Each structure stands twice: as C-alpha cells, then as structure tokens.
Protein backbone atom coordinates (compact mmCIF):
# COMPACT_ATOMS: atom_id res chain seq x y z
CA MET A 1 -181.67 -122.23 -61.82
CA PHE A 2 -180.66 -124.73 -64.46
CA TYR A 3 -177.77 -123.94 -66.75
CA ASP A 4 -177.92 -124.88 -70.42
CA ASP A 5 -175.28 -127.27 -71.64
CA CYS A 6 -172.65 -125.64 -73.84
CA ASP A 7 -172.81 -127.31 -77.23
CA HIS A 8 -170.43 -124.81 -78.81
CA LEU A 9 -167.73 -122.60 -77.36
CA PRO A 10 -167.60 -119.03 -78.64
CA THR A 11 -164.15 -117.51 -79.09
CA GLU A 12 -165.14 -114.32 -77.30
CA MET A 13 -166.64 -113.52 -73.91
CA THR A 14 -170.42 -113.67 -73.90
CA LYS A 15 -173.02 -112.10 -71.65
CA TYR A 16 -173.54 -115.57 -70.18
CA ASP A 17 -169.80 -115.79 -69.38
CA TRP A 18 -169.86 -112.49 -67.51
CA MET A 19 -173.03 -113.45 -65.61
CA THR A 20 -171.57 -116.86 -64.78
CA LEU A 21 -168.07 -115.67 -63.81
CA PRO A 22 -168.55 -116.25 -60.04
CA THR A 23 -169.79 -119.77 -60.77
CA TYR A 24 -166.87 -120.38 -63.13
CA LEU A 25 -164.43 -119.36 -60.39
CA ALA A 26 -166.13 -121.68 -57.90
CA ILE A 27 -166.02 -124.55 -60.44
CA ILE A 28 -162.29 -124.01 -60.97
CA ASP A 29 -161.72 -123.97 -57.21
CA ASP A 30 -163.79 -127.13 -56.78
CA ASP A 31 -161.80 -128.90 -59.48
CA ALA A 32 -158.47 -127.80 -57.97
CA GLU A 33 -159.58 -129.03 -54.56
CA GLY A 34 -160.57 -132.43 -55.95
CA VAL A 35 -164.32 -132.04 -55.49
CA HIS A 36 -166.05 -134.91 -57.31
CA TRP A 37 -167.95 -133.74 -60.37
CA ARG A 38 -171.20 -135.17 -58.95
CA ASP A 39 -170.97 -132.90 -55.92
CA GLY A 40 -169.83 -129.93 -57.97
CA VAL A 41 -172.60 -130.17 -60.55
CA ARG A 42 -175.22 -130.51 -57.83
CA LEU A 43 -173.90 -127.54 -55.84
CA ARG A 44 -172.78 -125.16 -58.59
CA LEU A 45 -175.06 -125.96 -61.52
CA ALA A 46 -178.21 -127.26 -59.83
CA ARG A 47 -178.11 -130.55 -61.74
CA ASP A 48 -178.95 -133.86 -60.12
CA PRO A 49 -176.75 -136.64 -61.49
CA ALA A 50 -179.16 -139.22 -60.06
CA ILE A 51 -181.79 -138.05 -62.57
CA ASP A 52 -179.58 -137.97 -65.69
CA GLU A 53 -175.96 -138.82 -65.01
CA ALA A 54 -174.70 -138.41 -68.58
CA SER A 55 -176.28 -134.99 -69.01
CA ALA A 56 -175.11 -133.80 -65.59
CA GLN A 57 -171.54 -134.93 -66.27
CA ALA A 58 -171.54 -133.30 -69.72
CA CYS A 59 -172.83 -130.09 -68.13
CA TRP A 60 -170.06 -130.14 -65.51
CA GLU A 61 -167.33 -130.88 -68.05
CA SER A 62 -168.50 -128.21 -70.49
CA HIS A 63 -168.73 -125.60 -67.75
CA LEU A 64 -165.31 -126.55 -66.35
CA SER A 65 -163.78 -126.32 -69.82
CA ARG A 66 -165.43 -122.96 -70.46
CA ALA A 67 -164.44 -121.69 -67.00
CA GLN A 68 -160.80 -122.52 -67.71
CA TRP A 69 -160.91 -120.79 -71.10
CA VAL A 70 -162.64 -117.71 -69.66
CA CYS A 71 -160.12 -117.36 -66.83
CA GLU A 72 -157.01 -118.16 -68.88
CA VAL A 73 -157.82 -116.45 -72.18
CA GLY A 74 -161.27 -114.96 -72.63
CA ILE A 75 -161.30 -112.40 -69.89
CA TYR A 76 -158.05 -110.89 -71.19
CA LEU A 77 -159.51 -110.44 -74.65
CA ASP A 78 -161.97 -107.87 -73.29
CA PHE A 79 -159.33 -105.68 -71.64
CA ASP A 80 -156.93 -103.27 -73.29
CA VAL A 81 -156.83 -100.55 -70.67
CA THR A 82 -153.22 -99.44 -70.95
CA GLY A 83 -152.47 -99.89 -74.62
CA ILE A 84 -149.76 -102.36 -73.61
CA ILE A 85 -152.11 -105.31 -73.59
CA SER A 86 -153.46 -106.03 -77.05
CA LYS A 87 -156.31 -108.39 -77.71
CA GLY A 88 -155.10 -111.95 -77.95
CA GLU A 89 -151.47 -111.12 -77.09
CA ILE A 90 -151.54 -111.62 -73.32
CA ALA A 91 -150.83 -114.85 -71.56
CA PRO A 92 -151.81 -115.32 -67.94
CA SER A 93 -148.91 -115.65 -65.52
CA ARG A 94 -150.09 -119.03 -64.28
CA LYS A 95 -152.18 -121.84 -65.61
CA LEU A 96 -155.32 -122.69 -63.68
CA HIS A 97 -155.25 -126.39 -64.48
C-alpha cells in the first residue's frame, strides 16, 4: 500500500491518523533507534527512494512529523473520559523526540 504525502496537517485526529496509528508508532521507534529514513520509508511506507528520492524523503518526514504530533498532542484531544482531562489542556508526561 502506498501512503499519500501529507500536504497539510489537520489540527484534529483524522480517520487516516487512527488507521495509521500502528505505523506512526513504528516510525517513531525507528527514528528513536536511528533507523535511516531510506530504510524506514521502504519498510513502513512502501516507498522506494531509488525511484524518487525527494518524494520518498518528503513522505517519511511528513509522516514522522504527523506521528509525533499524533502521539504528543492529537490523541489526547480525542479523550475526555474522566472530566479531569479537557480537550487541549493535557500535556504528555514525556516528549517523544
């Protein structure tokens, strides 16, 4: 499956974000472990940098950026289960990057 490049970043969680959450987590792990973007984009996003390096790198960078936002901010905006956590007022306990 090929992922579309993100040309804009919504300020709320999207259906695509929820469907891509496992991939986002893997991308964040890859980045933290120092996996080169060429290997990450090939493995996680099914893009071949040998075919179009600029597009593949842009795809990796946009997905990494979105993954960080989703995991640090976005996912918390969809949860208010106790009444203590209000939308936009929670900060994660640790930064992922």
